[in-house]
């Protein structure tokens, strides 16, 4: 859950560009007119499609061996999201943009709760 959550939150907090590489070749992404597709050096991959205020993501986590999907809707600076993995685990949460920061809170069907703060300059913690 933690690795999927980290990838999902990074997807939400990074802006999509035509093609970019994070430091250390952590992730490679390419973009078409409608789809952003990313793969990291470990084999995790995901795709993102945006339509208006709605975002759909689907991916695969190598560590768990599970595919997952997540949908989100944005209302101003607030983004609400929910997702499900192939083993039936469900998560939901919110992300709020505050200046250069994104504060995200999420809960899972297993009772896990987490809070992640991301900053455009210093990254996530």
Foldseek 3Di string as FASTA:
>chain_A
DVVVVVVVVVVVLDDDDQWDADPPSQKTWHDDPFKIWMAGPVGKIKMWGDDVQKIKMWIADPVVRKIKIKMWGDDPQKIWMKMAIPVGKIKIWMWGDDPQKIWIWMAIPVGDIDIWIQGPVPGID
